[in-house]
Amino acid sequence: MTTNDQTRLHLAAHDAKEAHGQTKVRKPSPFTLLFLLLPLMLITLSLLMLSDQFADLTVGISLHGLILFHRGMPTLSPTSSPTPQPTQQSVKFLPAALAAQIADLEAHDRFFYHGNTGLPEVALTFDDGPNPANTPQLLAILKNYHVQATFFDVGRLVKLYPYLARQEIADGHIIGNHTWSHAYLPALTPDMMRKQIAKTSDIIQQVTGIRPIFFRPPYGAVSAKVLTIINEFGLTTVIWNNDAQDWSIPGTFTIIARVLAAAGPGAIILLHDGGGNRSQTIAALPTIIQQLRAQHFQFVTMAQLVADYHYKAASPTPTPTPTRPPRGHPHSPQSAPFAWQKEKRSGSQGLVQRTHIQYDSVPVAARTLGILSQVRWAVFSFTVTP
């Protein structure tokens, strides 16, 4: 048999095997499939984040990779917008410019960086809860020291852990609105903002029987558009002037030192009971309470702080200046075009140096980056989600 005959026989045998389905087909490796699917996943995720339904999505991490899933939250029709139910009367004829809005809201006691700088009282505030690992421990400490605080709760977490919200109220604390999903409000449309605020106030009222009157925007981020929407709901915006930056897990003694160094009459102290491991905050809280009481400070809720704001004090004391969150702040979108403006103004409370975030315009790219920051927060807080 010649070489050509052998070749023809070999090809004929191969064709016969292929006809009977016996030829092995090489399967693509998992890495190849992942490489091909990853761009599609990213595009899908981006489209979902830009949709109104993103507020009802939770991002998590498992051993098998990134999972995006829906938790069955009730959603509103894309064409509908919740009607604001003001708990207080809205400020009429709010100016268009952000600085003028803040001044007008402050004049109506609807925007606070601090309380009365002539009274020895401070307000403890906790953000991003309720959290089943952290909140009960903080509540136990506050109860032990007979301290009332203000909790700015995330709506979806109130829905998941209603018993914690009820416990906060039962212990004499106040619950404020911190949006449904810790949303970066300047990146959202007006209707999306209304949904974030309305759903949170609704679930807090449903769970506790009390509709919140205080609101804290996530990241402390406000714009003229954001304040206009908040005003529609008659909510009082609360920022802070004492930030321990406990989110960065700097160490128990560092948290204590930062709070004590910035403490002053009328201080609004920012701490966290959600968003991650808060064991250092829990360990620091007893010492913070003891040391501030040794300095003759009284702990009050935001309701009391607001009620005392116009009390005439003998010798007003300037409050510490709020500081810009450093790069790497897990609750501060870094890439959005925001301008930190420092404004000095004299008033009945004395010379106060104010710092606030101003968003005059937010382009589409910035909106996308801002919403991506929500994904990081959701991933960070997924460890407390069952």
Protein backbone atom coordinates (compact mmCIF):
# COMPACT_ATOMS: atom_id res chain seq x y z
CA MET A 1 0.00 0.00 0.00
CA THR A 2 1.33 3.35 -1.01
CA THR A 3 1.65 6.42 1.18
CA ASN A 4 -1.20 8.16 -0.65
CA ASP A 5 -3.47 5.17 -0.01
CA GLN A 6 -2.66 5.29 3.72
CA THR A 7 -3.45 9.00 3.84
CA ARG A 8 -6.77 8.48 2.11
CA LEU A 9 -7.67 5.66 4.53
CA HIS A 10 -6.75 7.86 7.55
CA LEU A 11 -8.91 10.74 6.33
CA ALA A 12 -11.79 8.38 5.58
CA ALA A 13 -11.62 6.96 9.11
CA HIS A 14 -11.56 10.46 10.60
CA ASP A 15 -14.62 11.43 8.53
CA ALA A 16 -16.44 8.33 9.69
CA LYS A 17 -15.74 9.11 13.37
CA GLU A 18 -16.86 12.70 12.93
CA ALA A 19 -20.05 11.48 11.23
CA HIS A 20 -20.82 9.28 14.25
CA GLY A 21 -20.12 12.09 16.71
CA GLN A 22 -17.02 10.39 18.11
CA THR A 23 -14.60 13.26 17.44
CA LYS A 24 -13.80 15.10 20.64
CA VAL A 25 -14.63 18.79 20.60
CA ARG A 26 -12.30 20.95 22.62
CA LYS A 27 -14.25 22.82 25.30
CA PRO A 28 -13.34 26.42 26.15
CA SER A 29 -11.65 26.90 29.52
CA PRO A 30 -13.50 28.65 32.39
CA PHE A 31 -11.07 31.56 32.08
CA THR A 32 -12.01 31.99 28.41
CA LEU A 33 -15.71 31.98 29.25
CA LEU A 34 -15.16 34.51 32.05
CA PHE A 35 -13.14 36.75 29.73
CA LEU A 36 -15.96 36.66 27.16
CA LEU A 37 -18.78 37.19 29.68
CA LEU A 38 -17.14 39.87 31.83
CA PRO A 39 -17.77 42.79 29.42
CA LEU A 40 -21.41 41.74 29.07
CA MET A 41 -21.76 41.59 32.87
CA LEU A 42 -20.25 45.04 33.30
CA ILE A 43 -22.50 46.56 30.64
CA THR A 44 -25.58 44.96 32.22
CA LEU A 45 -24.56 46.17 35.68
CA SER A 46 -24.04 49.72 34.40
CA LEU A 47 -27.48 49.76 32.78
CA LEU A 48 -29.09 48.46 35.95
CA MET A 49 -27.35 51.07 38.08
CA LEU A 50 -28.61 53.87 35.87
CA SER A 51 -32.18 52.62 36.06
CA ASP A 52 -34.72 53.51 38.73
CA GLN A 53 -34.73 49.92 39.91
CA PHE A 54 -31.15 50.09 41.24
CA ALA A 55 -32.41 51.19 44.63
CA ASP A 56 -34.04 47.77 45.02
CA LEU A 57 -30.97 45.75 44.07
CA THR A 58 -28.39 44.37 46.39
CA VAL A 59 -24.86 43.51 45.37
CA GLY A 60 -23.08 40.70 47.07
CA ILE A 61 -19.94 38.61 46.85
CA SER A 62 -19.91 34.84 46.98
CA LEU A 63 -17.30 32.18 46.35
CA HIS A 64 -18.54 32.02 42.78
CA GLY A 65 -18.00 35.70 42.04
CA LEU A 66 -20.17 38.82 41.80
CA ILE A 67 -23.87 38.28 42.30
CA LEU A 68 -26.52 40.87 41.51
CA PHE A 69 -29.92 39.91 42.80
CA HIS A 70 -33.27 41.40 43.66
CA ARG A 71 -34.58 41.21 47.19
CA GLY A 72 -38.21 41.45 46.30
CA MET A 73 -38.56 45.06 47.42
CA PRO A 74 -41.78 46.75 46.26
CA THR A 75 -41.13 48.97 43.26
CA LEU A 76 -43.03 51.88 41.86
CA SER A 77 -44.11 52.30 38.29
CA PRO A 78 -41.43 54.06 36.20
CA THR A 79 -44.00 56.70 35.28
CA SER A 80 -45.11 57.32 38.86
CA SER A 81 -43.52 59.54 41.46
CA PRO A 82 -44.34 59.32 45.18
CA THR A 83 -46.25 62.28 46.50
CA PRO A 84 -44.30 63.91 49.34
CA GLN A 85 -46.06 63.72 52.71
CA PRO A 86 -44.52 66.60 54.66
CA THR A 87 -44.15 65.91 58.38
CA GLN A 88 -43.54 69.62 58.84
CA GLN A 89 -44.50 72.60 56.72
CA SER A 90 -42.18 73.08 53.76
CA VAL A 91 -40.24 76.32 53.38
CA LYS A 92 -41.98 78.37 50.70
CA PHE A 93 -40.16 80.14 47.88
CA LEU A 94 -36.83 78.37 48.37
CA PRO A 95 -34.05 80.19 46.42
CA ALA A 96 -32.42 78.56 43.40
CA ALA A 97 -28.76 78.90 44.45
CA LEU A 98 -27.34 76.39 46.93
CA ALA A 99 -25.73 78.93 49.29
CA ALA A 100 -28.94 80.95 49.43
CA GLN A 101 -30.96 77.78 50.01
CA ILE A 102 -28.79 76.76 52.97
CA ALA A 103 -29.06 80.24 54.49
CA ASP A 104 -32.84 80.26 54.05
CA LEU A 105 -33.25 76.76 55.48
CA GLU A 106 -31.03 77.64 58.44
CA ALA A 107 -33.18 80.70 59.09
CA HIS A 108 -36.21 78.38 59.27
CA ASP A 109 -34.39 75.79 61.44
CA ARG A 110 -34.38 73.25 58.61
CA PHE A 111 -30.64 72.82 58.08
CA PHE A 112 -28.06 72.19 60.82
CA TYR A 113 -24.32 71.75 61.00
CA HIS A 114 -24.40 72.15 64.79
CA GLY A 115 -26.66 73.13 67.66
CA ASN A 116 -26.54 76.07 70.04
CA THR A 117 -22.86 76.96 70.49
CA GLY A 118 -23.63 78.58 73.81
CA LEU A 119 -25.02 75.48 75.53
CA PRO A 120 -22.97 72.59 76.95
CA GLU A 121 -24.86 69.92 75.05
CA VAL A 122 -23.92 67.54 72.24
CA ALA A 123 -25.85 65.13 70.01
CA LEU A 124 -24.59 61.63 69.30
CA THR A 125 -25.69 60.47 65.84
CA PHE A 126 -25.20 57.04 64.27
CA ASP A 127 -25.43 56.37 60.52
CA ASP A 128 -25.98 53.42 58.17
CA GLY A 129 -27.86 51.03 60.48
CA PRO A 130 -29.65 49.20 61.79
CA ASN A 131 -27.09 46.39 61.94
CA PRO A 132 -27.72 43.15 63.87
CA ALA A 133 -24.06 42.84 64.88
CA ASN A 134 -23.40 46.43 65.96
CA THR A 135 -26.64 48.21 66.83
CA PRO A 136 -27.66 46.03 69.83
CA GLN A 137 -24.26 46.55 71.47
CA LEU A 138 -24.43 50.32 70.98
CA LEU A 139 -27.99 50.39 72.30
CA ALA A 140 -26.89 48.48 75.41
CA ILE A 141 -24.10 50.98 76.10
CA LEU A 142 -26.38 53.97 75.59
CA LYS A 143 -28.97 52.43 77.89
CA ASN A 144 -26.37 51.71 80.54
CA TYR A 145 -25.27 55.37 80.56
CA HIS A 146 -28.82 56.74 80.16
CA VAL A 147 -27.95 58.50 76.92
CA GLN A 148 -30.42 59.25 74.13
CA ALA A 149 -29.07 59.50 70.57
CA THR A 150 -30.28 59.90 66.99
CA PHE A 151 -30.01 57.04 64.49
CA PHE A 152 -30.07 57.86 60.78
CA ASP A 153 -31.28 54.54 59.41
CA VAL A 154 -31.18 53.12 55.88
CA GLY A 155 -34.66 52.14 54.70
CA ARG A 156 -33.85 48.72 53.27
CA LEU A 157 -32.12 47.77 56.54
CA VAL A 158 -35.13 48.89 58.57
CA LYS A 159 -37.18 46.54 56.40
CA LEU A 160 -34.71 43.70 57.05
CA TYR A 161 -34.32 44.34 60.80
CA PRO A 162 -37.54 46.01 61.99
CA TYR A 163 -37.03 44.80 65.58
CA LEU A 164 -33.86 46.90 65.83
CA ALA A 165 -35.66 50.04 64.71
CA ARG A 166 -38.41 49.37 67.23
CA GLN A 167 -35.80 48.89 69.95
CA GLU A 168 -34.20 52.23 69.09
CA ILE A 169 -37.54 53.97 69.62
CA ALA A 170 -38.35 51.95 72.75
CA ASP A 171 -35.06 53.08 74.32
CA GLY A 172 -35.94 56.73 73.79
CA HIS A 173 -33.82 57.41 70.72
CA ILE A 174 -34.86 59.19 67.53
CA ILE A 175 -34.73 57.69 64.03
CA GLY A 176 -33.91 59.86 61.04
CA ASN A 177 -34.16 59.16 57.31
CA HIS A 178 -30.89 58.15 55.58
CA THR A 179 -32.42 57.14 52.20
CA TRP A 180 -33.49 53.68 51.12
CA SER A 181 -30.15 52.33 49.89
CA HIS A 182 -27.57 54.90 51.04
CA ALA A 183 -27.99 56.62 47.69
CA TYR A 184 -25.71 59.31 46.32
CA LEU A 185 -28.49 61.84 45.82
CA PRO A 186 -26.82 64.42 43.52
CA ALA A 187 -26.45 61.69 40.89
CA LEU A 188 -30.16 60.82 40.87
CA THR A 189 -33.13 62.29 39.07
CA PRO A 190 -35.77 64.14 41.13
CA ASP A 191 -38.16 61.16 40.92
CA MET A 192 -35.45 58.75 42.05
CA MET A 193 -34.66 61.03 45.01
CA ARG A 194 -38.33 61.17 45.96
CA LYS A 195 -38.52 57.37 45.93
CA GLN A 196 -35.40 57.05 48.10
CA ILE A 197 -36.82 59.44 50.70
CA ALA A 198 -40.50 58.43 50.57
CA LYS A 199 -39.91 54.67 50.81
CA THR A 200 -37.63 55.15 53.81
CA SER A 201 -40.04 57.41 55.69
CA ASP A 202 -42.87 54.98 54.89
CA ILE A 203 -41.05 51.91 56.22
CA ILE A 204 -39.88 53.72 59.37
CA GLN A 205 -43.45 54.82 60.07
CA GLN A 206 -44.79 51.35 59.28
CA VAL A 207 -42.31 49.68 61.65
CA THR A 208 -42.21 52.18 64.52
CA GLY A 209 -45.43 54.16 64.17
CA ILE A 210 -43.43 57.40 63.96
CA ARG A 211 -42.68 59.29 60.75
CA PRO A 212 -39.16 60.79 60.76
CA ILE A 213 -38.70 64.56 60.69
CA PHE A 214 -34.89 64.56 60.34
CA PHE A 215 -32.91 63.65 57.23
CA ARG A 216 -29.20 63.13 56.66
CA PRO A 217 -28.03 62.87 53.04
CA PRO A 218 -25.50 60.05 52.55
CA TYR A 219 -21.94 61.36 52.26
CA GLY A 220 -23.28 64.73 53.46
CA ALA A 221 -23.74 65.45 49.76
CA VAL A 222 -26.24 68.17 48.89
CA SER A 223 -27.06 70.26 45.86
CA ALA A 224 -29.71 72.85 45.13
CA LYS A 225 -31.80 70.11 43.50
CA VAL A 226 -31.34 67.78 46.49
CA LEU A 227 -32.34 70.41 49.05
CA THR A 228 -35.39 71.30 46.96
CA ILE A 229 -36.60 67.69 47.08
CA ILE A 230 -35.86 67.36 50.80
CA ASN A 231 -37.84 70.53 51.42
CA GLU A 232 -40.83 69.04 49.58
CA PHE A 233 -41.03 66.43 52.34
CA GLY A 234 -40.74 69.03 55.10
CA LEU A 235 -37.67 67.28 56.49
CA THR A 236 -34.92 68.97 58.51
CA THR A 237 -31.44 68.30 57.08
CA VAL A 238 -28.77 67.37 59.60
CA ILE A 239 -25.06 67.40 58.74
CA TRP A 240 -22.34 67.34 61.44
CA ASN A 241 -19.30 69.19 62.75
CA ASN A 242 -17.59 66.37 64.66
CA ASP A 243 -16.50 63.42 62.52
CA ALA A 244 -14.48 60.69 64.22
CA GLN A 245 -13.98 58.96 60.86
CA ASP A 246 -14.66 55.65 62.55
CA TRP A 247 -15.52 54.21 59.11
CA SER A 248 -11.75 54.02 58.44
CA ILE A 249 -11.22 51.75 61.48
CA PRO A 250 -8.38 53.96 62.77
CA GLY A 251 -8.24 52.38 66.23
CA THR A 252 -10.30 52.78 69.38
CA PHE A 253 -8.07 55.41 70.97
CA THR A 254 -7.94 57.43 67.74
CA ILE A 255 -11.74 57.53 67.57
CA ILE A 256 -11.89 58.71 71.18
CA ALA A 257 -9.22 61.36 70.62
CA ARG A 258 -10.89 62.73 67.48
CA VAL A 259 -14.29 63.06 69.13
CA LEU A 260 -12.91 64.73 72.25
CA ALA A 261 -10.68 67.10 70.26
CA ALA A 262 -13.59 68.36 68.12
CA ALA A 263 -16.17 68.38 70.92
CA GLY A 264 -17.72 71.69 71.81
CA PRO A 265 -21.05 73.23 72.79
CA GLY A 266 -23.73 72.25 70.29
CA ALA A 267 -21.60 69.64 68.56
CA ILE A 268 -23.24 67.06 66.29
CA ILE A 269 -21.05 63.96 66.54
CA LEU A 270 -21.00 61.54 63.59
CA LEU A 271 -20.44 57.84 64.32
CA HIS A 272 -21.60 54.68 62.53
CA ASP A 273 -23.47 51.55 63.58
CA GLY A 274 -23.59 50.11 60.05
CA GLY A 275 -21.54 49.83 56.89
CA GLY A 276 -18.96 47.37 58.22
CA ASN A 277 -17.11 46.27 61.33
CA ARG A 278 -17.82 48.81 64.07
CA SER A 279 -16.15 47.03 66.99
CA GLN A 280 -13.81 49.98 67.51
CA THR A 281 -16.73 52.40 67.67
CA ILE A 282 -18.44 50.15 70.21
CA ALA A 283 -15.26 49.98 72.31
CA ALA A 284 -14.77 53.75 72.12
CA LEU A 285 -18.30 54.81 73.04
CA PRO A 286 -18.16 54.31 76.85
CA THR A 287 -15.00 56.42 77.16
CA ILE A 288 -16.45 59.11 74.91
CA ILE A 289 -19.54 59.36 77.11
CA GLN A 290 -17.54 59.38 80.33
CA GLN A 291 -15.04 61.99 79.16
CA LEU A 292 -17.64 64.36 77.72
CA ARG A 293 -19.71 64.11 80.87
CA ALA A 294 -16.60 64.89 82.88
CA GLN A 295 -16.43 68.11 80.83
CA HIS A 296 -20.05 68.81 81.87
CA PHE A 297 -21.59 68.14 78.47
CA GLN A 298 -25.15 66.87 78.32
CA PHE A 299 -26.18 64.32 75.66
CA VAL A 300 -29.38 65.20 73.77
CA THR A 301 -31.27 63.98 70.73
CA MET A 302 -31.50 66.06 67.57
CA ALA A 303 -35.02 67.07 68.59
CA GLN A 304 -33.69 68.60 71.80
CA LEU A 305 -30.71 70.16 70.05
CA VAL A 306 -33.06 71.91 67.60
CA ALA A 307 -35.43 72.99 70.38
CA ASP A 308 -32.51 74.59 72.25
CA TYR A 309 -30.97 76.26 69.20
CA HIS A 310 -32.31 79.76 69.91
CA TYR A 311 -31.78 79.69 73.64
CA LYS A 312 -29.86 82.83 74.57
CA ALA A 313 -26.52 81.87 76.09
CA ALA A 314 -24.27 84.22 78.02
CA SER A 315 -21.05 83.54 76.14
CA PRO A 316 -21.32 81.79 72.77
CA THR A 317 -18.42 79.60 71.73
CA PRO A 318 -17.43 78.92 68.08
CA THR A 319 -17.81 75.31 67.02
CA PRO A 320 -15.05 73.30 65.33
CA THR A 321 -14.99 73.41 61.55
CA PRO A 322 -16.19 70.31 59.68
CA THR A 323 -13.35 68.77 57.70
CA ARG A 324 -13.32 67.30 54.23
CA PRO A 325 -13.39 63.48 54.19
CA PRO A 326 -9.96 62.25 53.05
CA ARG A 327 -9.41 60.18 49.96
CA GLY A 328 -10.42 56.59 50.53
CA HIS A 329 -13.52 57.48 52.56
CA PRO A 330 -15.87 54.53 51.87
CA HIS A 331 -18.84 56.87 52.21
CA SER A 332 -17.53 59.67 50.04
CA PRO A 333 -17.58 59.48 46.21
CA GLN A 334 -14.13 60.67 45.18
CA SER A 335 -14.51 61.10 41.45
CA ALA A 336 -17.59 63.33 41.29
CA PRO A 337 -16.91 67.01 40.53
CA PHE A 338 -17.68 68.59 43.86
CA ALA A 339 -16.32 71.85 45.20
CA TRP A 340 -15.63 72.35 48.87
CA GLN A 341 -16.42 75.93 49.74
CA LYS A 342 -15.51 77.55 53.02
CA GLU A 343 -17.68 80.44 54.03
CA LYS A 344 -17.15 82.71 57.01
CA ARG A 345 -20.13 84.52 58.33
CA SER A 346 -21.04 86.37 61.50
CA GLY A 347 -24.31 85.75 63.26
CA SER A 348 -26.01 85.61 66.61
CA GLN A 349 -24.01 82.48 67.42
CA GLY A 350 -20.67 84.20 66.77
CA LEU A 351 -18.13 83.69 63.98
CA VAL A 352 -18.63 80.28 62.42
CA GLN A 353 -16.59 78.74 59.65
CA ARG A 354 -18.79 76.51 57.54
CA THR A 355 -17.84 73.84 55.06
CA HIS A 356 -20.29 72.22 52.66
CA ILE A 357 -20.34 70.30 49.43
CA GLN A 358 -21.70 72.13 46.41
CA TYR A 359 -22.99 70.38 43.31
CA ASP A 360 -24.01 72.94 40.71
CA SER A 361 -24.06 70.45 37.88
CA VAL A 362 -23.49 66.72 37.70
CA PRO A 363 -22.64 65.35 34.23
CA VAL A 364 -23.54 61.84 33.16
CA ALA A 365 -20.03 60.51 33.83
CA ALA A 366 -20.12 61.86 37.37
CA ARG A 367 -23.56 60.34 37.92
CA THR A 368 -22.22 56.96 36.84
CA LEU A 369 -19.21 57.24 39.15
CA GLY A 370 -21.39 58.37 42.00
CA ILE A 371 -23.72 55.41 41.57
CA LEU A 372 -20.74 53.06 41.36
CA SER A 373 -19.85 54.26 44.86
CA GLN A 374 -23.20 52.84 45.99
CA VAL A 375 -22.09 49.44 44.72
CA ARG A 376 -18.98 49.67 46.89
CA TRP A 377 -21.08 50.58 49.92
CA ALA A 378 -23.52 47.75 49.18
CA VAL A 379 -20.69 45.24 48.82
CA PHE A 380 -19.09 46.57 52.01
CA SER A 381 -22.33 46.22 53.98
CA PHE A 382 -23.33 42.83 52.46
CA THR A 383 -21.77 40.98 55.39
CA VAL A 384 -24.71 42.04 57.56
CA THR A 385 -27.34 41.03 54.99
CA PRO A 386 -28.76 37.52 55.39
